[in-house]
Amino acid sequence: MEKRGINYYIGLCFRSLLQGLVILGPIGATIGLIWYLVSSIDNIIPSISERFPGLVFISVIIITALVGFIGTKFLLGRILVDAMDNLLEHTPGIKYIYSSLKDVMSSFVGDKKKFSNPVWVKTNNNPEVWRIGFLTQHDLSPVGLNGKIAVYLPHSYAISGWVILTEPDNVREVEGMNSVEAMKFAVSGGVSGFHSDENIFKAPE
């Protein structure tokens, strides 16, 4: 009886430890990541960050916001941004790095973001299998693929994914989820996103 009681308390402590990790892990990781980003940006100019911690980071945020505002709201700003963009796009060596980074960032944020149309994609008929993805191209006829569309399928717990080319009949729009919830659902392996915790499958204890 005494041995069973010890095992019970050991198991309780272990389960409590795991539950604590579930609660504190994401919080700690988020704080750590934010701290790392702030410190990295702040240390761009060490002489200033040593005297005024956080000033460089705040300055970078303000300047970035101003560039975004001026570059989209004023004609002169738009002309300057387009001129710089054209220069970098045609500079040998640099253009490949710049254009790739620009395309990736514009896919997630800005007016031209691509991952805003979540869809279900049928990847197998028998048995019927559907995957969640994002419609990125509606027309592939310019590259000789008439009647095809491009869908990006993100990997779970990763920042990678792959693109498939399929027919529109194999795709249907996601209902009940916006693009953010759909991305959370995809990268979390289906355990996060549109539903509550009560609907998640739980293994028996």
N, C-alpha and C. Protein backbone atom coordinates (compact mmCIF):
# COMPACT_ATOMS: atom_id res chain seq x y z
N MET A 1 0.84 -1.20 0.00
CA MET A 1 0.00 0.00 0.00
C MET A 1 0.87 1.25 0.00
N GLU A 2 1.95 1.19 0.82
CA GLU A 2 2.87 2.32 0.91
C GLU A 2 3.60 2.54 -0.41
N LYS A 3 3.97 1.40 -1.08
CA LYS A 3 4.66 1.49 -2.36
C LYS A 3 3.77 2.13 -3.41
N ARG A 4 2.48 1.76 -3.39
CA ARG A 4 1.54 2.34 -4.34
C ARG A 4 1.38 3.83 -4.10
N GLY A 5 1.38 4.23 -2.86
CA GLY A 5 1.26 5.65 -2.55
C GLY A 5 2.45 6.44 -3.05
N ILE A 6 3.65 5.88 -2.92
CA ILE A 6 4.86 6.55 -3.41
C ILE A 6 4.81 6.71 -4.93
N ASN A 7 4.41 5.63 -5.60
CA ASN A 7 4.32 5.68 -7.07
C ASN A 7 3.31 6.73 -7.52
N TYR A 8 2.22 6.83 -6.77
CA TYR A 8 1.20 7.81 -7.13
C TYR A 8 1.75 9.23 -7.05
N TYR A 9 2.45 9.54 -5.95
CA TYR A 9 2.99 10.88 -5.78
C TYR A 9 4.12 11.17 -6.76
N ILE A 10 4.92 10.15 -7.07
CA ILE A 10 5.96 10.33 -8.08
C ILE A 10 5.34 10.63 -9.44
N GLY A 11 4.29 9.86 -9.78
CA GLY A 11 3.59 10.11 -11.04
C GLY A 11 2.95 11.48 -11.08
N LEU A 12 2.37 11.89 -9.93
CA LEU A 12 1.74 13.20 -9.85
C LEU A 12 2.77 14.31 -10.06
N CYS A 13 3.92 14.16 -9.43
CA CYS A 13 4.98 15.16 -9.59
C CYS A 13 5.46 15.22 -11.04
N PHE A 14 5.59 14.04 -11.66
CA PHE A 14 6.07 13.99 -13.04
C PHE A 14 5.06 14.63 -13.99
N ARG A 15 3.76 14.30 -13.79
CA ARG A 15 2.73 14.90 -14.63
C ARG A 15 2.65 16.41 -14.43
N SER A 16 2.83 16.84 -13.18
CA SER A 16 2.81 18.28 -12.90
C SER A 16 3.99 18.97 -13.56
N LEU A 17 5.15 18.29 -13.56
CA LEU A 17 6.33 18.85 -14.21
C LEU A 17 6.10 19.02 -15.71
N LEU A 18 5.52 17.99 -16.33
CA LEU A 18 5.23 18.07 -17.76
C LEU A 18 4.22 19.18 -18.06
N GLN A 19 3.19 19.28 -17.20
CA GLN A 19 2.19 20.33 -17.40
C GLN A 19 2.81 21.71 -17.24
N GLY A 20 3.73 21.82 -16.29
CA GLY A 20 4.44 23.09 -16.12
C GLY A 20 5.27 23.46 -17.33
N LEU A 21 5.90 22.44 -17.93
CA LEU A 21 6.67 22.69 -19.16
C LEU A 21 5.77 23.14 -20.29
N VAL A 22 4.57 22.52 -20.36
CA VAL A 22 3.62 22.92 -21.41
C VAL A 22 3.19 24.37 -21.23
N ILE A 23 3.03 24.80 -19.97
CA ILE A 23 2.59 26.17 -19.70
C ILE A 23 3.73 27.17 -19.86
N LEU A 24 4.89 26.86 -19.24
CA LEU A 24 5.99 27.82 -19.22
C LEU A 24 6.88 27.75 -20.45
N GLY A 25 6.91 26.58 -21.12
CA GLY A 25 7.79 26.42 -22.28
C GLY A 25 7.53 27.44 -23.37
N PRO A 26 6.30 27.53 -23.89
CA PRO A 26 6.03 28.53 -24.93
C PRO A 26 6.25 29.96 -24.47
N ILE A 27 5.91 30.24 -23.18
CA ILE A 27 6.11 31.59 -22.66
C ILE A 27 7.60 31.92 -22.62
N GLY A 28 8.40 30.99 -22.08
CA GLY A 28 9.84 31.21 -22.00
C GLY A 28 10.49 31.33 -23.37
N ALA A 29 10.06 30.47 -24.30
CA ALA A 29 10.62 30.51 -25.65
C ALA A 29 10.28 31.82 -26.35
N THR A 30 9.04 32.30 -26.15
CA THR A 30 8.62 33.57 -26.76
C THR A 30 9.42 34.74 -26.20
N ILE A 31 9.56 34.77 -24.88
CA ILE A 31 10.34 35.84 -24.24
C ILE A 31 11.79 35.78 -24.69
N GLY A 32 12.35 34.56 -24.76
CA GLY A 32 13.74 34.40 -25.18
C GLY A 32 13.96 34.86 -26.61
N LEU A 33 13.02 34.53 -27.50
CA LEU A 33 13.15 34.93 -28.89
C LEU A 33 13.06 36.45 -29.04
N ILE A 34 12.09 37.05 -28.33
CA ILE A 34 11.95 38.50 -28.38
C ILE A 34 13.21 39.18 -27.83
N TRP A 35 13.72 38.65 -26.73
CA TRP A 35 14.94 39.21 -26.13
C TRP A 35 16.12 39.10 -27.08
N TYR A 36 16.22 37.96 -27.76
CA TYR A 36 17.31 37.76 -28.72
C TYR A 36 17.22 38.75 -29.87
N LEU A 37 16.02 38.93 -30.41
CA LEU A 37 15.84 39.86 -31.52
C LEU A 37 16.14 41.29 -31.10
N VAL A 38 15.62 41.69 -29.94
CA VAL A 38 15.87 43.05 -29.46
C VAL A 38 17.35 43.27 -29.22
N SER A 39 18.02 42.30 -28.57
CA SER A 39 19.44 42.43 -28.28
C SER A 39 20.27 42.48 -29.56
N SER A 40 19.91 41.63 -30.54
CA SER A 40 20.66 41.59 -31.79
C SER A 40 20.57 42.91 -32.53
N ILE A 41 19.36 43.47 -32.61
CA ILE A 41 19.19 44.76 -33.29
C ILE A 41 19.84 45.88 -32.49
N ASP A 42 19.70 45.82 -31.17
CA ASP A 42 20.25 46.87 -30.32
C ASP A 42 21.78 46.92 -30.39
N ASN A 43 22.41 45.77 -30.65
CA ASN A 43 23.88 45.70 -30.69
C ASN A 43 24.46 46.06 -32.05
N ILE A 44 23.62 46.53 -32.97
CA ILE A 44 24.14 47.00 -34.26
C ILE A 44 25.10 48.16 -34.04
N ILE A 45 24.77 49.02 -33.10
CA ILE A 45 25.66 50.14 -32.74
C ILE A 45 25.96 50.01 -31.24
N PRO A 46 26.99 49.23 -30.88
CA PRO A 46 27.27 48.95 -29.46
C PRO A 46 27.50 50.20 -28.62
N SER A 47 28.15 51.22 -29.21
CA SER A 47 28.48 52.42 -28.43
C SER A 47 27.22 53.12 -27.92
N ILE A 48 26.15 53.07 -28.71
CA ILE A 48 24.89 53.70 -28.29
C ILE A 48 24.11 52.78 -27.36
N SER A 49 24.06 51.48 -27.68
CA SER A 49 23.29 50.54 -26.86
C SER A 49 23.86 50.40 -25.46
N GLU A 50 25.17 50.61 -25.30
CA GLU A 50 25.77 50.53 -23.96
C GLU A 50 25.31 51.70 -23.09
N ARG A 51 25.17 52.86 -23.68
CA ARG A 51 24.76 54.04 -22.92
C ARG A 51 23.24 54.14 -22.79
N PHE A 52 22.55 53.77 -23.87
CA PHE A 52 21.08 53.87 -23.89
C PHE A 52 20.49 52.55 -24.39
N PRO A 53 20.37 51.56 -23.52
CA PRO A 53 19.83 50.25 -23.94
C PRO A 53 18.42 50.39 -24.53
N GLY A 54 18.23 49.78 -25.68
CA GLY A 54 16.93 49.79 -26.32
C GLY A 54 16.72 50.92 -27.31
N LEU A 55 17.59 51.93 -27.29
CA LEU A 55 17.41 53.09 -28.17
C LEU A 55 17.58 52.71 -29.64
N VAL A 56 18.58 51.89 -29.94
CA VAL A 56 18.81 51.48 -31.33
C VAL A 56 17.62 50.68 -31.85
N PHE A 57 17.12 49.77 -31.02
CA PHE A 57 15.98 48.94 -31.42
C PHE A 57 14.76 49.81 -31.71
N ILE A 58 14.46 50.74 -30.81
CA ILE A 58 13.31 51.63 -31.01
C ILE A 58 13.50 52.47 -32.26
N SER A 59 14.73 52.95 -32.48
CA SER A 59 15.01 53.77 -33.67
C SER A 59 14.79 52.98 -34.95
N VAL A 60 15.23 51.71 -34.96
CA VAL A 60 15.06 50.86 -36.14
C VAL A 60 13.58 50.64 -36.43
N ILE A 61 12.79 50.40 -35.38
CA ILE A 61 11.35 50.19 -35.55
C ILE A 61 10.69 51.44 -36.12
N ILE A 62 11.03 52.60 -35.56
CA ILE A 62 10.43 53.86 -36.02
C ILE A 62 10.82 54.16 -37.47
N ILE A 63 12.10 53.99 -37.79
CA ILE A 63 12.57 54.25 -39.16
C ILE A 63 11.91 53.30 -40.15
N THR A 64 11.79 52.02 -39.77
CA THR A 64 11.15 51.04 -40.65
C THR A 64 9.69 51.41 -40.91
N ALA A 65 8.99 51.82 -39.85
CA ALA A 65 7.59 52.22 -40.00
C ALA A 65 7.46 53.46 -40.88
N LEU A 66 8.37 54.42 -40.70
CA LEU A 66 8.34 55.64 -41.51
C LEU A 66 8.60 55.34 -42.99
N VAL A 67 9.57 54.45 -43.25
CA VAL A 67 9.86 54.07 -44.63
C VAL A 67 8.64 53.41 -45.27
N GLY A 68 7.99 52.52 -44.51
CA GLY A 68 6.79 51.86 -45.02
C GLY A 68 5.67 52.84 -45.29
N PHE A 69 5.50 53.82 -44.39
CA PHE A 69 4.44 54.81 -44.56
C PHE A 69 4.71 55.73 -45.75
N ILE A 70 5.94 56.26 -45.82
CA ILE A 70 6.29 57.18 -46.90
C ILE A 70 6.30 56.46 -48.25
N GLY A 71 6.78 55.20 -48.23
CA GLY A 71 6.88 54.45 -49.48
C GLY A 71 5.55 54.03 -50.06
N THR A 72 4.49 54.08 -49.26
CA THR A 72 3.17 53.67 -49.76
C THR A 72 2.17 54.83 -49.86
N LYS A 73 2.40 55.90 -49.11
CA LYS A 73 1.42 56.99 -49.06
C LYS A 73 1.82 58.21 -49.89
N PHE A 74 3.09 58.35 -50.25
CA PHE A 74 3.55 59.53 -50.97
C PHE A 74 4.18 59.14 -52.30
N LEU A 75 3.90 59.93 -53.32
CA LEU A 75 4.40 59.63 -54.67
C LEU A 75 5.92 59.65 -54.72
N LEU A 76 6.53 60.66 -54.09
CA LEU A 76 7.99 60.76 -54.10
C LEU A 76 8.62 59.56 -53.41
N GLY A 77 8.02 59.16 -52.29
CA GLY A 77 8.53 57.99 -51.59
C GLY A 77 8.42 56.73 -52.42
N ARG A 78 7.29 56.60 -53.13
CA ARG A 78 7.09 55.44 -54.01
C ARG A 78 8.12 55.42 -55.13
N ILE A 79 8.43 56.61 -55.68
CA ILE A 79 9.42 56.71 -56.75
C ILE A 79 10.80 56.30 -56.24
N LEU A 80 11.17 56.76 -55.05
CA LEU A 80 12.47 56.42 -54.48
C LEU A 80 12.57 54.92 -54.18
N VAL A 81 11.50 54.36 -53.64
CA VAL A 81 11.49 52.92 -53.34
C VAL A 81 11.60 52.11 -54.62
N ASP A 82 10.86 52.51 -55.65
CA ASP A 82 10.91 51.80 -56.93
C ASP A 82 12.29 51.91 -57.57
N ALA A 83 12.93 53.08 -57.42
CA ALA A 83 14.27 53.26 -57.98
C ALA A 83 15.27 52.36 -57.28
N MET A 84 15.20 52.29 -55.96
CA MET A 84 16.09 51.41 -55.21
C MET A 84 15.82 49.95 -55.53
N ASP A 85 14.55 49.61 -55.66
CA ASP A 85 14.16 48.25 -56.01
C ASP A 85 14.69 47.87 -57.39
N ASN A 86 14.57 48.77 -58.34
CA ASN A 86 15.05 48.51 -59.70
C ASN A 86 16.57 48.36 -59.72
N LEU A 87 17.27 49.18 -58.93
CA LEU A 87 18.73 49.09 -58.85
C LEU A 87 19.18 47.75 -58.31
N LEU A 88 18.57 47.31 -57.22
CA LEU A 88 18.95 46.04 -56.61
C LEU A 88 18.55 44.85 -57.48
N GLU A 89 17.43 44.99 -58.19
CA GLU A 89 16.95 43.91 -59.06
C GLU A 89 17.88 43.69 -60.25
N HIS A 90 18.67 44.69 -60.62
CA HIS A 90 19.53 44.59 -61.79
C HIS A 90 21.02 44.62 -61.45
N THR A 91 21.34 44.48 -60.16
CA THR A 91 22.74 44.41 -59.75
C THR A 91 23.20 42.97 -59.75
N PRO A 92 24.20 42.62 -60.56
CA PRO A 92 24.66 41.22 -60.63
C PRO A 92 25.05 40.68 -59.26
N GLY A 93 24.65 39.46 -58.98
CA GLY A 93 24.96 38.82 -57.70
C GLY A 93 23.96 39.18 -56.62
N ILE A 94 23.78 40.48 -56.41
CA ILE A 94 22.87 40.94 -55.36
C ILE A 94 21.41 40.66 -55.73
N LYS A 95 21.09 40.73 -57.04
CA LYS A 95 19.69 40.63 -57.45
C LYS A 95 19.07 39.30 -57.06
N TYR A 96 19.85 38.21 -57.06
CA TYR A 96 19.29 36.90 -56.71
C TYR A 96 18.93 36.83 -55.23
N ILE A 97 19.81 37.37 -54.39
CA ILE A 97 19.55 37.38 -52.95
C ILE A 97 18.38 38.31 -52.64
N TYR A 98 18.42 39.51 -53.21
CA TYR A 98 17.39 40.52 -52.94
C TYR A 98 16.02 40.06 -53.40
N SER A 99 15.94 39.58 -54.64
CA SER A 99 14.63 39.18 -55.18
C SER A 99 14.04 38.00 -54.42
N SER A 100 14.90 37.06 -54.00
CA SER A 100 14.41 35.91 -53.23
C SER A 100 13.86 36.34 -51.88
N LEU A 101 14.63 37.17 -51.16
CA LEU A 101 14.17 37.65 -49.86
C LEU A 101 12.91 38.50 -49.99
N LYS A 102 12.86 39.31 -51.03
CA LYS A 102 11.69 40.17 -51.25
C LYS A 102 10.45 39.34 -51.51
N ASP A 103 10.58 38.30 -52.34
CA ASP A 103 9.43 37.45 -52.65
C ASP A 103 8.93 36.71 -51.42
N VAL A 104 9.88 36.21 -50.60
CA VAL A 104 9.50 35.47 -49.40
C VAL A 104 8.77 36.38 -48.42
N MET A 105 9.32 37.58 -48.17
CA MET A 105 8.70 38.49 -47.21
C MET A 105 7.36 39.00 -47.70
N SER A 106 7.26 39.31 -48.99
CA SER A 106 5.99 39.81 -49.52
C SER A 106 4.92 38.74 -49.56
N SER A 107 5.34 37.47 -49.48
CA SER A 107 4.36 36.38 -49.45
C SER A 107 3.61 36.34 -48.13
N PHE A 108 4.26 36.83 -47.05
CA PHE A 108 3.66 36.77 -45.73
C PHE A 108 3.02 38.08 -45.30
N VAL A 109 3.61 39.21 -45.70
CA VAL A 109 3.10 40.51 -45.25
C VAL A 109 2.97 41.44 -46.45
N GLY A 110 2.28 42.55 -46.22
CA GLY A 110 2.15 43.54 -47.28
C GLY A 110 0.90 43.33 -48.12
N ASP A 111 0.76 44.18 -49.12
CA ASP A 111 -0.43 44.15 -49.97
C ASP A 111 -0.43 42.96 -50.93
N LYS A 112 0.74 42.36 -51.17
CA LYS A 112 0.83 41.28 -52.14
C LYS A 112 1.03 39.91 -51.49
N LYS A 113 0.66 39.79 -50.23
CA LYS A 113 0.89 38.53 -49.55
C LYS A 113 0.10 37.40 -50.21
N LYS A 114 0.76 36.24 -50.29
CA LYS A 114 0.22 35.11 -51.04
C LYS A 114 -0.56 34.13 -50.17
N PHE A 115 -0.16 33.98 -48.91
CA PHE A 115 -0.77 32.96 -48.07
C PHE A 115 -2.03 33.49 -47.40
N SER A 116 -2.96 33.97 -48.19
CA SER A 116 -4.20 34.53 -47.67
C SER A 116 -5.42 33.76 -48.15
N ASN A 117 -5.20 32.68 -48.89
CA ASN A 117 -6.32 31.91 -49.45
C ASN A 117 -6.16 30.43 -49.10
N PRO A 118 -6.56 30.03 -47.88
CA PRO A 118 -6.41 28.62 -47.48
C PRO A 118 -7.38 27.72 -48.23
N VAL A 119 -6.91 26.54 -48.60
CA VAL A 119 -7.73 25.60 -49.36
C VAL A 119 -7.47 24.18 -48.88
N TRP A 120 -8.44 23.30 -49.14
CA TRP A 120 -8.26 21.86 -48.96
C TRP A 120 -7.88 21.27 -50.31
N VAL A 121 -6.88 20.39 -50.31
CA VAL A 121 -6.41 19.78 -51.55
C VAL A 121 -6.54 18.27 -51.45
N LYS A 122 -7.22 17.67 -52.41
CA LYS A 122 -7.33 16.22 -52.43
C LYS A 122 -6.04 15.64 -53.03
N THR A 123 -5.31 14.88 -52.22
CA THR A 123 -4.05 14.30 -52.67
C THR A 123 -4.15 12.81 -52.95
N ASN A 124 -5.29 12.21 -52.60
CA ASN A 124 -5.47 10.78 -52.87
C ASN A 124 -6.97 10.49 -52.97
N ASN A 125 -7.34 9.60 -53.89
CA ASN A 125 -8.76 9.28 -54.10
C ASN A 125 -9.23 8.08 -53.29
N ASN A 126 -8.42 7.06 -53.19
CA ASN A 126 -8.84 5.82 -52.52
C ASN A 126 -7.68 5.24 -51.69
N PRO A 127 -7.72 5.47 -50.36
CA PRO A 127 -8.73 6.21 -49.59
C PRO A 127 -8.62 7.71 -49.84
N GLU A 128 -9.71 8.41 -49.61
CA GLU A 128 -9.73 9.85 -49.85
C GLU A 128 -8.91 10.58 -48.79
N VAL A 129 -7.93 11.35 -49.25
CA VAL A 129 -7.03 12.08 -48.35
C VAL A 129 -7.02 13.55 -48.77
N TRP A 130 -7.19 14.42 -47.80
CA TRP A 130 -7.15 15.86 -48.05
C TRP A 130 -6.04 16.48 -47.22
N ARG A 131 -5.38 17.49 -47.78
CA ARG A 131 -4.37 18.25 -47.06
C ARG A 131 -4.72 19.72 -47.12
N ILE A 132 -4.29 20.45 -46.09
CA ILE A 132 -4.55 21.88 -46.07
C ILE A 132 -3.36 22.62 -46.67
N GLY A 133 -3.67 23.64 -47.45
CA GLY A 133 -2.61 24.41 -48.10
C GLY A 133 -3.10 25.81 -48.43
N PHE A 134 -2.32 26.49 -49.26
CA PHE A 134 -2.65 27.86 -49.63
C PHE A 134 -2.51 28.03 -51.14
N LEU A 135 -3.57 28.52 -51.75
CA LEU A 135 -3.56 28.74 -53.19
C LEU A 135 -2.66 29.94 -53.50
N THR A 136 -1.62 29.72 -54.29
CA THR A 136 -0.65 30.78 -54.58
C THR A 136 -0.69 31.26 -56.02
N GLN A 137 -1.12 30.40 -56.95
CA GLN A 137 -1.21 30.81 -58.36
C GLN A 137 -2.50 30.25 -58.95
N HIS A 138 -3.31 31.13 -59.54
CA HIS A 138 -4.58 30.70 -60.13
C HIS A 138 -4.44 30.26 -61.58
N ASP A 139 -3.37 30.66 -62.24
CA ASP A 139 -3.22 30.38 -63.67
C ASP A 139 -1.76 30.08 -63.99
N LEU A 140 -1.50 28.87 -64.49
CA LEU A 140 -0.14 28.47 -64.85
C LEU A 140 0.02 28.32 -66.36
N SER A 141 -0.91 28.88 -67.11
CA SER A 141 -0.81 28.80 -68.57
C SER A 141 0.43 29.49 -69.12
N PRO A 142 0.97 30.56 -68.48
CA PRO A 142 2.19 31.17 -69.01
C PRO A 142 3.39 30.22 -69.05
N VAL A 143 3.36 29.16 -68.22
CA VAL A 143 4.47 28.20 -68.23
C VAL A 143 4.05 26.89 -68.89
N GLY A 144 2.96 26.93 -69.64
CA GLY A 144 2.55 25.77 -70.42
C GLY A 144 1.71 24.75 -69.68
N LEU A 145 1.19 25.10 -68.51
CA LEU A 145 0.36 24.18 -67.73
C LEU A 145 -1.07 24.71 -67.69
N ASN A 146 -1.77 24.54 -68.79
CA ASN A 146 -3.14 25.02 -68.88
C ASN A 146 -4.06 24.23 -67.95
N GLY A 147 -4.96 24.94 -67.27
CA GLY A 147 -5.91 24.29 -66.39
C GLY A 147 -5.32 23.82 -65.08
N LYS A 148 -4.11 24.29 -64.75
CA LYS A 148 -3.48 23.90 -63.49
C LYS A 148 -3.37 25.10 -62.57
N ILE A 149 -3.34 24.83 -61.27
CA ILE A 149 -3.12 25.86 -60.26
C ILE A 149 -2.01 25.40 -59.34
N ALA A 150 -1.42 26.34 -58.61
CA ALA A 150 -0.34 26.02 -57.68
C ALA A 150 -0.83 26.18 -56.24
N VAL A 151 -0.53 25.18 -55.43
CA VAL A 151 -0.92 25.20 -54.02
C VAL A 151 0.32 24.91 -53.18
N TYR A 152 0.53 25.73 -52.16
CA TYR A 152 1.65 25.53 -51.24
C TYR A 152 1.17 24.74 -50.03
N LEU A 153 1.87 23.65 -49.72
CA LEU A 153 1.52 22.80 -48.58
C LEU A 153 2.61 22.93 -47.51
N PRO A 154 2.35 23.62 -46.41
CA PRO A 154 3.36 23.77 -45.36
C PRO A 154 3.56 22.48 -44.59
N HIS A 155 4.79 22.26 -44.13
CA HIS A 155 5.10 21.12 -43.28
C HIS A 155 4.74 21.44 -41.83
N SER A 156 4.36 20.42 -41.08
CA SER A 156 4.06 20.61 -39.66
C SER A 156 5.34 20.79 -38.87
N TYR A 157 5.30 21.71 -37.90
CA TYR A 157 6.42 22.00 -37.00
C TYR A 157 7.69 22.30 -37.79
N ALA A 158 7.58 23.08 -38.84
CA ALA A 158 8.73 23.46 -39.66
C ALA A 158 8.37 24.73 -40.42
N ILE A 159 9.39 25.37 -40.97
CA ILE A 159 9.16 26.56 -41.79
C ILE A 159 9.25 26.21 -43.27
N SER A 160 9.34 24.92 -43.56
CA SER A 160 9.44 24.49 -44.95
C SER A 160 8.09 24.02 -45.46
N GLY A 161 8.06 23.62 -46.71
CA GLY A 161 6.85 23.12 -47.34
C GLY A 161 7.15 22.74 -48.77
N TRP A 162 6.10 22.37 -49.51
CA TRP A 162 6.32 22.05 -50.91
C TRP A 162 5.13 22.50 -51.73
N VAL A 163 5.38 22.70 -53.01
CA VAL A 163 4.37 23.21 -53.93
C VAL A 163 3.90 22.09 -54.83
N ILE A 164 2.59 21.96 -54.97
CA ILE A 164 2.03 20.99 -55.91
C ILE A 164 1.24 21.72 -56.98
N LEU A 165 1.23 21.15 -58.17
CA LEU A 165 0.45 21.68 -59.29
C LEU A 165 -0.68 20.71 -59.56
N THR A 166 -1.90 21.17 -59.45
CA THR A 166 -3.05 20.28 -59.55
C THR A 166 -4.18 20.97 -60.31
N GLU A 167 -5.27 20.24 -60.51
CA GLU A 167 -6.43 20.80 -61.20
C GLU A 167 -7.38 21.46 -60.19
N PRO A 168 -8.08 22.49 -60.60
CA PRO A 168 -9.00 23.18 -59.69
C PRO A 168 -10.06 22.26 -59.08
N ASP A 169 -10.42 21.18 -59.76
CA ASP A 169 -11.43 20.26 -59.23
C ASP A 169 -10.96 19.56 -57.96
N ASN A 170 -9.65 19.50 -57.74
CA ASN A 170 -9.10 18.84 -56.56
C ASN A 170 -8.97 19.78 -55.37
N VAL A 171 -9.43 21.00 -55.53
CA VAL A 171 -9.25 22.02 -54.50
C VAL A 171 -10.59 22.64 -54.14
N ARG A 172 -10.77 22.86 -52.85
CA ARG A 172 -11.95 23.61 -52.41
C ARG A 172 -11.55 24.53 -51.27
N GLU A 173 -12.24 25.65 -51.16
CA GLU A 173 -11.89 26.66 -50.17
C GLU A 173 -12.15 26.16 -48.75
N VAL A 174 -11.32 26.62 -47.84
CA VAL A 174 -11.50 26.29 -46.43
C VAL A 174 -12.58 27.19 -45.85
N GLU A 175 -13.52 26.60 -45.14
CA GLU A 175 -14.58 27.35 -44.48
C GLU A 175 -14.41 27.25 -42.96
N GLY A 176 -14.73 28.32 -42.27
CA GLY A 176 -14.66 28.32 -40.82
C GLY A 176 -13.29 28.66 -40.26
N MET A 177 -12.32 28.95 -41.13
CA MET A 177 -10.98 29.33 -40.70
C MET A 177 -10.48 30.47 -41.58
N ASN A 178 -9.82 31.44 -40.95
CA ASN A 178 -9.13 32.44 -41.76
C ASN A 178 -7.72 31.96 -42.06
N SER A 179 -6.93 32.75 -42.76
CA SER A 179 -5.61 32.31 -43.19
C SER A 179 -4.67 32.06 -42.01
N VAL A 180 -4.78 32.88 -40.97
CA VAL A 180 -3.91 32.69 -39.79
C VAL A 180 -4.24 31.39 -39.08
N GLU A 181 -5.53 31.13 -38.89
CA GLU A 181 -5.95 29.89 -38.23
C GLU A 181 -5.58 28.67 -39.07
N ALA A 182 -5.69 28.80 -40.39
CA ALA A 182 -5.33 27.69 -41.27
C ALA A 182 -3.84 27.38 -41.19
N MET A 183 -3.01 28.43 -41.13
CA MET A 183 -1.57 28.21 -41.01
C MET A 183 -1.23 27.57 -39.67
N LYS A 184 -1.88 28.01 -38.60
CA LYS A 184 -1.67 27.39 -37.29
C LYS A 184 -2.09 25.93 -37.31
N PHE A 185 -3.20 25.64 -37.95
CA PHE A 185 -3.69 24.27 -38.05
C PHE A 185 -2.70 23.39 -38.80
N ALA A 186 -2.09 23.94 -39.87
CA ALA A 186 -1.16 23.16 -40.68
C ALA A 186 0.16 22.91 -39.96
N VAL A 187 0.76 23.97 -39.42
CA VAL A 187 2.10 23.82 -38.85
C VAL A 187 2.08 23.15 -37.48
N SER A 188 0.91 23.11 -36.82
CA SER A 188 0.83 22.45 -35.51
C SER A 188 0.43 20.99 -35.63
N GLY A 189 0.31 20.49 -36.84
CA GLY A 189 -0.09 19.10 -37.01
C GLY A 189 -1.56 18.86 -36.74
N GLY A 190 -2.37 19.92 -36.81
CA GLY A 190 -3.81 19.78 -36.63
C GLY A 190 -4.29 19.91 -35.21
N VAL A 191 -3.39 20.25 -34.27
CA VAL A 191 -3.81 20.35 -32.87
C VAL A 191 -4.14 21.78 -32.46
N SER A 192 -3.97 22.73 -33.36
CA SER A 192 -4.27 24.12 -33.04
C SER A 192 -4.93 24.76 -34.24
N GLY A 193 -5.67 25.81 -33.98
CA GLY A 193 -6.29 26.51 -35.10
C GLY A 193 -7.73 26.88 -34.84
N PHE A 194 -8.65 26.15 -35.45
CA PHE A 194 -10.05 26.59 -35.45
C PHE A 194 -10.89 26.01 -34.33
N HIS A 195 -10.44 24.94 -33.66
CA HIS A 195 -11.32 24.28 -32.71
C HIS A 195 -10.81 24.44 -31.28
N SER A 196 -11.62 24.00 -30.34
CA SER A 196 -11.26 24.09 -28.93
C SER A 196 -10.52 22.83 -28.51
N ASP A 197 -9.96 22.88 -27.30
CA ASP A 197 -9.19 21.74 -26.80
C ASP A 197 -10.06 20.50 -26.61
N GLU A 198 -11.38 20.69 -26.42
CA GLU A 198 -12.24 19.53 -26.20
C GLU A 198 -12.33 18.63 -27.43
N ASN A 199 -12.06 19.18 -28.61
CA ASN A 199 -12.17 18.40 -29.84
C ASN A 199 -10.88 17.70 -30.23
N ILE A 200 -9.81 17.94 -29.48
CA ILE A 200 -8.52 17.34 -29.81
C ILE A 200 -8.45 15.93 -29.24
N PHE A 201 -7.97 14.99 -30.04
CA PHE A 201 -7.82 13.61 -29.56
C PHE A 201 -6.77 13.56 -28.47
N LYS A 202 -7.10 12.89 -27.38
CA LYS A 202 -6.17 12.73 -26.27
C LYS A 202 -5.95 11.25 -26.00
N ALA A 203 -4.69 10.88 -25.88
CA ALA A 203 -4.37 9.48 -25.60
C ALA A 203 -4.79 9.13 -24.18
N PRO A 204 -5.23 7.90 -23.96
CA PRO A 204 -5.64 7.50 -22.60
C PRO A 204 -4.46 7.53 -21.65
N GLU A 205 -4.71 7.93 -20.42
CA GLU A 205 -3.64 8.00 -19.42
C GLU A 205 -3.39 6.63 -18.82
